[in-house]
Amino acid sequence: MPGDARLSGVVRGLATHAANYVQLAPDAAEKLAEQVEQATEAAIAAGSSNSDAIDVRFDGKDANLTVTISFTGPDGSRQTSEIRHRIPA
């Protein structure tokens, strides 16, 4: 999806939903949402244009909730940010 300022709030909401789905503690869920929102904002700011795609992937395996955000940087290279939280047993 293209990246602009509206995207960070939407992705934060998805992160909150994913954290609640895997039953992270409320403080861990809030921390995850904040980290994901910050990484999304950084990707938007560092992207080469608003029309370049920012990919957001949520993965809940190996006892971790992992959120991967990737985008094309100004130099054309693909850049990735990964946020990982342990899923409670």
PDB file of N, CA and C in Angstrom:
ATOM      1  N   MET A   1       0.849  -1.173   0.000  1.00  0.00           N
ATOM      2  CA  MET A   1       0.000   0.000   0.000  1.00  0.00           C
ATOM      3  C   MET A   1       0.888   1.228   0.000  1.00  0.00           C
ATOM      4  N   PRO A   2       0.456   2.292  -0.667  1.00  0.00           N
ATOM      5  CA  PRO A   2       1.262   3.515  -0.668  1.00  0.00           C
ATOM      6  C   PRO A   2       1.370   4.079   0.739  1.00  0.00           C
ATOM      7  N   GLY A   3       2.456   4.775   0.990  1.00  0.00           N
ATOM      8  CA  GLY A   3       2.671   5.306   2.329  1.00  0.00           C
ATOM      9  C   GLY A   3       2.417   6.797   2.425  1.00  0.00           C
ATOM     10  N   ASP A   4       1.505   7.167   3.270  1.00  0.00           N
ATOM     11  CA  ASP A   4       1.341   8.564   3.652  1.00  0.00           C
ATOM     12  C   ASP A   4       0.953   8.586   5.126  1.00  0.00           C
ATOM     13  N   ALA A   5       0.743   9.772   5.668  1.00  0.00           N
ATOM     14  CA  ALA A   5       0.532   9.915   7.113  1.00  0.00           C
ATOM     15  C   ALA A   5      -0.646   9.102   7.638  1.00  0.00           C
ATOM     16  N   ARG A   6      -1.655   8.842   6.816  1.00  0.00           N
ATOM     17  CA  ARG A   6      -2.818   8.075   7.291  1.00  0.00           C
ATOM     18  C   ARG A   6      -2.471   6.634   7.614  1.00  0.00           C
ATOM     19  N   LEU A   7      -1.424   6.132   7.002  1.00  0.00           N
ATOM     20  CA  LEU A   7      -1.065   4.728   7.146  1.00  0.00           C
ATOM     21  C   LEU A   7      -0.621   4.361   8.558  1.00  0.00           C
ATOM     22  N   SER A   8       0.106   5.245   9.244  1.00  0.00           N
ATOM     23  CA  SER A   8       0.669   4.872  10.545  1.00  0.00           C
ATOM     24  C   SER A   8      -0.413   4.542  11.570  1.00  0.00           C
ATOM     25  N   GLY A   9      -1.513   5.289  11.596  1.00  0.00           N
ATOM     26  CA  GLY A   9      -2.605   5.002  12.525  1.00  0.00           C
ATOM     27  C   GLY A   9      -3.303   3.684  12.218  1.00  0.00           C
ATOM     28  N   VAL A  10      -3.458   3.406  10.934  1.00  0.00           N
ATOM     29  CA  VAL A  10      -4.097   2.149  10.516  1.00  0.00           C
ATOM     30  C   VAL A  10      -3.229   0.961  10.919  1.00  0.00           C
ATOM     31  N   VAL A  11      -1.935   1.065  10.662  1.00  0.00           N
ATOM     32  CA  VAL A  11      -1.024  -0.036  11.007  1.00  0.00           C
ATOM     33  C   VAL A  11      -0.935  -0.200  12.520  1.00  0.00           C
ATOM     34  N   ARG A  12      -0.967   0.903  13.262  1.00  0.00           N
ATOM     35  CA  ARG A  12      -0.974   0.810  14.726  1.00  0.00           C
ATOM     36  C   ARG A  12      -2.212   0.036  15.190  1.00  0.00           C
ATOM     37  N   GLY A  13      -3.370   0.331  14.605  1.00  0.00           N
ATOM     38  CA  GLY A  13      -4.594  -0.388  14.963  1.00  0.00           C
ATOM     39  C   GLY A  13      -4.482  -1.877  14.673  1.00  0.00           C
ATOM     40  N   LEU A  14      -3.893  -2.230  13.541  1.00  0.00           N
ATOM     41  CA  LEU A  14      -3.687  -3.642  13.217  1.00  0.00           C
ATOM     42  C   LEU A  14      -2.732  -4.306  14.212  1.00  0.00           C
ATOM     43  N   ALA A  15      -1.698  -3.579  14.615  1.00  0.00           N
ATOM     44  CA  ALA A  15      -0.750  -4.122  15.593  1.00  0.00           C
ATOM     45  C   ALA A  15      -1.436  -4.362  16.933  1.00  0.00           C
ATOM     46  N   THR A  16      -2.282  -3.430  17.336  1.00  0.00           N
ATOM     47  CA  THR A  16      -3.024  -3.592  18.589  1.00  0.00           C
ATOM     48  C   THR A  16      -3.935  -4.812  18.511  1.00  0.00           C
ATOM     49  N   HIS A  17      -4.614  -4.961  17.390  1.00  0.00           N
ATOM     50  CA  HIS A  17      -5.493  -6.120  17.202  1.00  0.00           C
ATOM     51  C   HIS A  17      -4.690  -7.426  17.251  1.00  0.00           C
ATOM     52  N   ALA A  18      -3.558  -7.466  16.558  1.00  0.00           N
ATOM     53  CA  ALA A  18      -2.727  -8.675  16.555  1.00  0.00           C
ATOM     54  C   ALA A  18      -2.214  -8.989  17.958  1.00  0.00           C
ATOM     55  N   ALA A  19      -1.802  -7.959  18.695  1.00  0.00           N
ATOM     56  CA  ALA A  19      -1.306  -8.159  20.062  1.00  0.00           C
ATOM     57  C   ALA A  19      -2.404  -8.716  20.967  1.00  0.00           C
ATOM     58  N   ASN A  20      -3.604  -8.191  20.825  1.00  0.00           N
ATOM     59  CA  ASN A  20      -4.724  -8.705  21.620  1.00  0.00           C
ATOM     60  C   ASN A  20      -5.083 -10.125  21.212  1.00  0.00           C
ATOM     61  N   TYR A  21      -4.991 -10.422  19.923  1.00  0.00           N
ATOM     62  CA  TYR A  21      -5.315 -11.756  19.426  1.00  0.00           C
ATOM     63  C   TYR A  21      -4.403 -12.818  20.031  1.00  0.00           C
ATOM     64  N   VAL A  22      -3.100 -12.499  20.151  1.00  0.00           N
ATOM     65  CA  VAL A  22      -2.169 -13.476  20.723  1.00  0.00           C
ATOM     66  C   VAL A  22      -2.036 -13.325  22.230  1.00  0.00           C
ATOM     67  N   GLN A  23      -2.863 -12.468  22.803  1.00  0.00           N
ATOM     68  CA  GLN A  23      -2.991 -12.280  24.250  1.00  0.00           C
ATOM     69  C   GLN A  23      -1.720 -11.752  24.917  1.00  0.00           C
ATOM     70  N   LEU A  24      -1.103 -10.748  24.270  1.00  0.00           N
ATOM     71  CA  LEU A  24      -0.006 -10.061  24.954  1.00  0.00           C
ATOM     72  C   LEU A  24      -0.577  -9.297  26.133  1.00  0.00           C
ATOM     73  N   ALA A  25       0.221  -9.115  27.162  1.00  0.00           N
ATOM     74  CA  ALA A  25      -0.188  -8.303  28.308  1.00  0.00           C
ATOM     75  C   ALA A  25      -0.444  -6.879  27.807  1.00  0.00           C
ATOM     76  N   PRO A  26      -1.344  -6.137  28.482  1.00  0.00           N
ATOM     77  CA  PRO A  26      -1.671  -4.786  28.008  1.00  0.00           C
ATOM     78  C   PRO A  26      -0.458  -3.876  27.803  1.00  0.00           C
ATOM     79  N   ASP A  27       0.518  -3.914  28.709  1.00  0.00           N
ATOM     80  CA  ASP A  27       1.698  -3.060  28.537  1.00  0.00           C
ATOM     81  C   ASP A  27       2.545  -3.502  27.346  1.00  0.00           C
ATOM     82  N   ALA A  28       2.659  -4.808  27.115  1.00  0.00           N
ATOM     83  CA  ALA A  28       3.395  -5.322  25.967  1.00  0.00           C
ATOM     84  C   ALA A  28       2.670  -4.994  24.661  1.00  0.00           C
ATOM     85  N   ALA A  29       1.340  -5.064  24.695  1.00  0.00           N
ATOM     86  CA  ALA A  29       0.548  -4.732  23.504  1.00  0.00           C
ATOM     87  C   ALA A  29       0.722  -3.264  23.143  1.00  0.00           C
ATOM     88  N   GLU A  30       0.722  -2.391  24.146  1.00  0.00           N
ATOM     89  CA  GLU A  30       0.908  -0.960  23.906  1.00  0.00           C
ATOM     90  C   GLU A  30       2.311  -0.683  23.367  1.00  0.00           C
ATOM     91  N   LYS A  31       3.305  -1.357  23.938  1.00  0.00           N
ATOM     92  CA  LYS A  31       4.688  -1.175  23.476  1.00  0.00           C
ATOM     93  C   LYS A  31       4.824  -1.622  22.022  1.00  0.00           C
ATOM     94  N   LEU A  32       4.230  -2.767  21.686  1.00  0.00           N
ATOM     95  CA  LEU A  32       4.269  -3.255  20.308  1.00  0.00           C
ATOM     96  C   LEU A  32       3.621  -2.238  19.375  1.00  0.00           C
ATOM     97  N   ALA A  33       2.444  -1.753  19.725  1.00  0.00           N
ATOM     98  CA  ALA A  33       1.739  -0.790  18.879  1.00  0.00           C
ATOM     99  C   ALA A  33       2.567   0.474  18.675  1.00  0.00           C
ATOM    100  N   GLU A  34       3.200   0.961  19.727  1.00  0.00           N
ATOM    101  CA  GLU A  34       4.048   2.152  19.623  1.00  0.00           C
ATOM    102  C   GLU A  34       5.240   1.904  18.707  1.00  0.00           C
ATOM    103  N   GLN A  35       5.887   0.755  18.873  1.00  0.00           N
ATOM    104  CA  GLN A  35       7.051   0.434  18.048  1.00  0.00           C
ATOM    105  C   GLN A  35       6.666   0.298  16.581  1.00  0.00           C
ATOM    106  N   VAL A  36       5.532  -0.337  16.329  1.00  0.00           N
ATOM    107  CA  VAL A  36       5.072  -0.513  14.951  1.00  0.00           C
ATOM    108  C   VAL A  36       4.707   0.836  14.338  1.00  0.00           C
ATOM    109  N   GLU A  37       4.044   1.683  15.099  1.00  0.00           N
ATOM    110  CA  GLU A  37       3.681   3.011  14.590  1.00  0.00           C
ATOM    111  C   GLU A  37       4.946   3.818  14.277  1.00  0.00           C
ATOM    112  N   GLN A  38       5.938   3.783  15.166  1.00  0.00           N
ATOM    113  CA  GLN A  38       7.183   4.518  14.933  1.00  0.00           C
ATOM    114  C   GLN A  38       7.926   3.991  13.706  1.00  0.00           C
ATOM    115  N   ALA A  39       7.971   2.678  13.540  1.00  0.00           N
ATOM    116  CA  ALA A  39       8.643   2.089  12.387  1.00  0.00           C
ATOM    117  C   ALA A  39       7.908   2.444  11.095  1.00  0.00           C
ATOM    118  N   THR A  40       6.575   2.491  11.151  1.00  0.00           N
ATOM    119  CA  THR A  40       5.796   2.868   9.975  1.00  0.00           C
ATOM    120  C   THR A  40       6.041   4.327   9.614  1.00  0.00           C
ATOM    121  N   GLU A  41       6.056   5.194  10.619  1.00  0.00           N
ATOM    122  CA  GLU A  41       6.332   6.612  10.373  1.00  0.00           C
ATOM    123  C   GLU A  41       7.736   6.803   9.794  1.00  0.00           C
ATOM    124  N   ALA A  42       8.713   6.041  10.301  1.00  0.00           N
ATOM    125  CA  ALA A  42      10.076   6.125   9.776  1.00  0.00           C
ATOM    126  C   ALA A  42      10.132   5.652   8.321  1.00  0.00           C
ATOM    127  N   ALA A  43       9.384   4.589   8.010  1.00  0.00           N
ATOM    128  CA  ALA A  43       9.347   4.088   6.636  1.00  0.00           C
ATOM    129  C   ALA A  43       8.722   5.117   5.696  1.00  0.00           C
ATOM    130  N   ILE A  44       7.666   5.766   6.151  1.00  0.00           N
ATOM    131  CA  ILE A  44       7.012   6.795   5.334  1.00  0.00           C
ATOM    132  C   ILE A  44       7.988   7.945   5.090  1.00  0.00           C
ATOM    133  N   ALA A  45       8.666   8.389   6.146  1.00  0.00           N
ATOM    134  CA  ALA A  45       9.592   9.517   6.030  1.00  0.00           C
ATOM    135  C   ALA A  45      10.801   9.173   5.155  1.00  0.00           C
ATOM    136  N   ALA A  46      11.261   7.928   5.203  1.00  0.00           N
ATOM    137  CA  ALA A  46      12.464   7.532   4.468  1.00  0.00           C
ATOM    138  C   ALA A  46      12.171   7.048   3.055  1.00  0.00           C
ATOM    139  N   GLY A  47      10.916   6.793   2.738  1.00  0.00           N
ATOM    140  CA  GLY A  47      10.564   6.290   1.421  1.00  0.00           C
ATOM    141  C   GLY A  47      10.874   7.298   0.336  1.00  0.00           C
ATOM    142  N   SER A  48      11.038   6.797  -0.882  1.00  0.00           N
ATOM    143  CA  SER A  48      11.404   7.694  -1.976  1.00  0.00           C
ATOM    144  C   SER A  48      10.219   8.513  -2.473  1.00  0.00           C
ATOM    145  N   SER A  49       8.998   8.016  -2.295  1.00  0.00           N
ATOM    146  CA  SER A  49       7.812   8.807  -2.658  1.00  0.00           C
ATOM    147  C   SER A  49       6.583   8.182  -2.019  1.00  0.00           C
ATOM    148  N   ASN A  50       5.505   8.947  -1.957  1.00  0.00           N
ATOM    149  CA  ASN A  50       4.267   8.424  -1.364  1.00  0.00           C
ATOM    150  C   ASN A  50       3.635   7.328  -2.205  1.00  0.00           C
ATOM    151  N   SER A  51       4.055   7.187  -3.452  1.00  0.00           N
ATOM    152  CA  SER A  51       3.456   6.149  -4.295  1.00  0.00           C
ATOM    153  C   SER A  51       4.185   4.816  -4.176  1.00  0.00           C
ATOM    154  N   ASP A  52       5.351   4.799  -3.512  1.00  0.00           N
ATOM    155  CA  ASP A  52       6.066   3.539  -3.320  1.00  0.00           C
ATOM    156  C   ASP A  52       5.380   2.714  -2.233  1.00  0.00           C
ATOM    157  N   ALA A  53       5.350   1.432  -2.447  1.00  0.00           N
ATOM    158  CA  ALA A  53       4.669   0.535  -1.510  1.00  0.00           C
ATOM    159  C   ALA A  53       5.440   0.390  -0.209  1.00  0.00           C
ATOM    160  N   ILE A  54       4.678   0.314   0.870  1.00  0.00           N
ATOM    161  CA  ILE A  54       5.206  -0.087   2.174  1.00  0.00           C
ATOM    162  C   ILE A  54       4.502  -1.392   2.506  1.00  0.00           C
ATOM    163  N   ASP A  55       5.286  -2.428   2.696  1.00  0.00           N
ATOM    164  CA  ASP A  55       4.731  -3.741   2.998  1.00  0.00           C
ATOM    165  C   ASP A  55       4.762  -3.966   4.497  1.00  0.00           C
ATOM    166  N   VAL A  56       3.640  -4.411   5.046  1.00  0.00           N
ATOM    167  CA  VAL A  56       3.532  -4.701   6.469  1.00  0.00           C
ATOM    168  C   VAL A  56       3.072  -6.147   6.601  1.00  0.00           C
ATOM    169  N   ARG A  57       3.849  -6.949   7.339  1.00  0.00           N
ATOM    170  CA  ARG A  57       3.509  -8.365   7.502  1.00  0.00           C
ATOM    171  C   ARG A  57       3.479  -8.712   8.984  1.00  0.00           C
ATOM    172  N   PHE A  58       2.409  -9.376   9.399  1.00  0.00           N
ATOM    173  CA  PHE A  58       2.251  -9.868  10.770  1.00  0.00           C
ATOM    174  C   PHE A  58       2.420 -11.376  10.732  1.00  0.00           C
ATOM    175  N   ASP A  59       3.245 -11.894  11.630  1.00  0.00           N
ATOM    176  CA  ASP A  59       3.523 -13.324  11.645  1.00  0.00           C
ATOM    177  C   ASP A  59       3.547 -13.804  13.089  1.00  0.00           C
ATOM    178  N   GLY A  60       2.760 -14.807  13.403  1.00  0.00           N
ATOM    179  CA  GLY A  60       2.696 -15.344  14.758  1.00  0.00           C
ATOM    180  C   GLY A  60       3.161 -16.776  14.804  1.00  0.00           C
ATOM    181  N   LYS A  61       4.455 -17.004  14.634  1.00  0.00           N
ATOM    182  CA  LYS A  61       4.972 -18.372  14.722  1.00  0.00           C
ATOM    183  C   LYS A  61       6.231 -18.394  15.565  1.00  0.00           C
ATOM    184  N   ASP A  62       6.644 -19.576  15.913  1.00  0.00           N
ATOM    185  CA  ASP A  62       7.829 -19.776  16.758  1.00  0.00           C
ATOM    186  C   ASP A  62       7.718 -19.011  18.072  1.00  0.00           C
ATOM    187  N   ALA A  63       6.503 -18.941  18.618  1.00  0.00           N
ATOM    188  CA  ALA A  63       6.225 -18.308  19.911  1.00  0.00           C
ATOM    189  C   ALA A  63       6.541 -16.817  19.925  1.00  0.00           C
ATOM    190  N   ASN A  64       6.537 -16.193  18.739  1.00  0.00           N
ATOM    191  CA  ASN A  64       6.772 -14.758  18.630  1.00  0.00           C
ATOM    192  C   ASN A  64       5.713 -14.126  17.734  1.00  0.00           C
ATOM    193  N   LEU A  65       5.351 -12.905  18.056  1.00  0.00           N
ATOM    194  CA  LEU A  65       4.572 -12.072  17.146  1.00  0.00           C
ATOM    195  C   LEU A  65       5.580 -11.141  16.496  1.00  0.00           C
ATOM    196  N   THR A  66       5.751 -11.286  15.197  1.00  0.00           N
ATOM    197  CA  THR A  66       6.730 -10.499  14.461  1.00  0.00           C
ATOM    198  C   THR A  66       6.003  -9.625  13.456  1.00  0.00           C
ATOM    199  N   VAL A  67       6.336  -8.337  13.464  1.00  0.00           N
ATOM    200  CA  VAL A  67       5.794  -7.400  12.492  1.00  0.00           C
ATOM    201  C   VAL A  67       6.973  -6.926  11.651  1.00  0.00           C
ATOM    202  N   THR A  68       6.877  -7.143  10.349  1.00  0.00           N
ATOM    203  CA  THR A  68       7.931  -6.750   9.422  1.00  0.00           C
ATOM    204  C   THR A  68       7.406  -5.637   8.532  1.00  0.00           C
ATOM    205  N   ILE A  69       8.137  -4.536   8.482  1.00  0.00           N
ATOM    206  CA  ILE A  69       7.773  -3.389   7.653  1.00  0.00           C
ATOM    207  C   ILE A  69       8.914  -3.194   6.665  1.00  0.00           C
ATOM    208  N   SER A  70       8.600  -3.241   5.372  1.00  0.00           N
ATOM    209  CA  SER A  70       9.644  -3.040   4.373  1.00  0.00           C
ATOM    210  C   SER A  70       9.185  -1.996   3.359  1.00  0.00           C
ATOM    211  N   PHE A  71      10.158  -1.297   2.808  1.00  0.00           N
ATOM    212  CA  PHE A  71       9.866  -0.209   1.885  1.00  0.00           C
ATOM    213  C   PHE A  71      11.086   0.045   1.006  1.00  0.00           C
ATOM    214  N   THR A  72      10.885   0.802  -0.051  1.00  0.00           N
ATOM    215  CA  THR A  72      11.971   1.189  -0.941  1.00  0.00           C
ATOM    216  C   THR A  72      12.527   2.524  -0.492  1.00  0.00           C
ATOM    217  N   GLY A  73      13.810   2.543  -0.189  1.00  0.00           N
ATOM    218  CA  GLY A  73      14.467   3.770   0.252  1.00  0.00           C
ATOM    219  C   GLY A  73      14.751   4.698  -0.915  1.00  0.00           C
ATOM    220  N   PRO A  74      15.206   5.900  -0.620  1.00  0.00           N
ATOM    221  CA  PRO A  74      15.478   6.888  -1.664  1.00  0.00           C
ATOM    222  C   PRO A  74      16.515   6.427  -2.688  1.00  0.00           C
ATOM    223  N   ASP A  75      17.417   5.529  -2.265  1.00  0.00           N
ATOM    224  CA  ASP A  75      18.434   5.036  -3.193  1.00  0.00           C
ATOM    225  C   ASP A  75      17.954   3.830  -4.000  1.00  0.00           C
ATOM    226  N   GLY A  76      16.686   3.439  -3.808  1.00  0.00           N
ATOM    227  CA  GLY A  76      16.116   2.321  -4.551  1.00  0.00           C
ATOM    228  C   GLY A  76      16.290   0.967  -3.887  1.00  0.00           C
ATOM    229  N   SER A  77      17.002   0.919  -2.764  1.00  0.00           N
ATOM    230  CA  SER A  77      17.204  -0.363  -2.085  1.00  0.00           C
ATOM    231  C   SER A  77      16.005  -0.665  -1.181  1.00  0.00           C
ATOM    232  N   ARG A  78      15.767  -1.946  -0.988  1.00  0.00           N
ATOM    233  CA  ARG A  78      14.676  -2.380  -0.116  1.00  0.00           C
ATOM    234  C   ARG A  78      15.176  -2.366   1.321  1.00  0.00           C
ATOM    235  N   GLN A  79      14.463  -1.684   2.210  1.00  0.00           N
ATOM    236  CA  GLN A  79      14.843  -1.589   3.614  1.00  0.00           C
ATOM    237  C   GLN A  79      13.763  -2.245   4.459  1.00  0.00           C
ATOM    238  N   THR A  80      14.188  -2.875   5.546  1.00  0.00           N
ATOM    239  CA  THR A  80      13.268  -3.643   6.375  1.00  0.00           C
ATOM    240  C   THR A  80      13.465  -3.315   7.849  1.00  0.00           C
ATOM    241  N   SER A  81      12.356  -3.226   8.563  1.00  0.00           N
ATOM    242  CA  SER A  81      12.353  -3.064  10.012  1.00  0.00           C
ATOM    243  C   SER A  81      11.524  -4.211  10.585  1.00  0.00           C
ATOM    244  N   GLU A  82      12.014  -4.831  11.646  1.00  0.00           N
ATOM    245  CA  GLU A  82      11.305  -5.970  12.229  1.00  0.00           C
ATOM    246  C   GLU A  82      11.125  -5.744  13.729  1.00  0.00           C
ATOM    247  N   ILE A  83       9.903  -5.909  14.178  1.00  0.00           N
ATOM    248  CA  ILE A  83       9.564  -5.783  15.599  1.00  0.00           C
ATOM    249  C   ILE A  83       9.076  -7.152  16.056  1.00  0.00           C
ATOM    250  N   ARG A  84       9.633  -7.646  17.164  1.00  0.00           N
ATOM    251  CA  ARG A  84       9.278  -8.995  17.629  1.00  0.00           C
ATOM    252  C   ARG A  84       8.962  -8.955  19.120  1.00  0.00           C
ATOM    253  N   HIS A  85       7.860  -9.599  19.481  1.00  0.00           N
ATOM    254  CA  HIS A  85       7.498  -9.771  20.890  1.00  0.00           C
ATOM    255  C   HIS A  85       7.170 -11.242  21.119  1.00  0.00           C
ATOM    256  N   ARG A  86       7.580 -11.712  22.258  1.00  0.00           N
ATOM    257  CA  ARG A  86       7.319 -13.101  22.659  1.00  0.00           C
ATOM    258  C   ARG A  86       5.835 -13.274  22.951  1.00  0.00           C
ATOM    259  N   ILE A  87       5.231 -14.326  22.426  1.00  0.00           N
ATOM    260  CA  ILE A  87       3.840 -14.664  22.707  1.00  0.00           C
ATOM    261  C   ILE A  87       3.795 -15.455  24.011  1.00  0.00           C
ATOM    262  N   PRO A  88       2.947 -15.029  24.963  1.00  0.00           N
ATOM    263  CA  PRO A  88       2.890 -15.763  26.233  1.00  0.00           C
ATOM    264  C   PRO A  88       2.414 -17.206  26.030  1.00  0.00           C
ATOM    265  N   ALA A  89       2.928 -18.085  26.862  1.00  0.00           N
ATOM    266  CA  ALA A  89       2.568 -19.509  26.763  1.00  0.00           C
ATOM    267  C   ALA A  89       1.172 -19.747  27.276  1.00  0.00           C
TER     268      ALA A  89
END
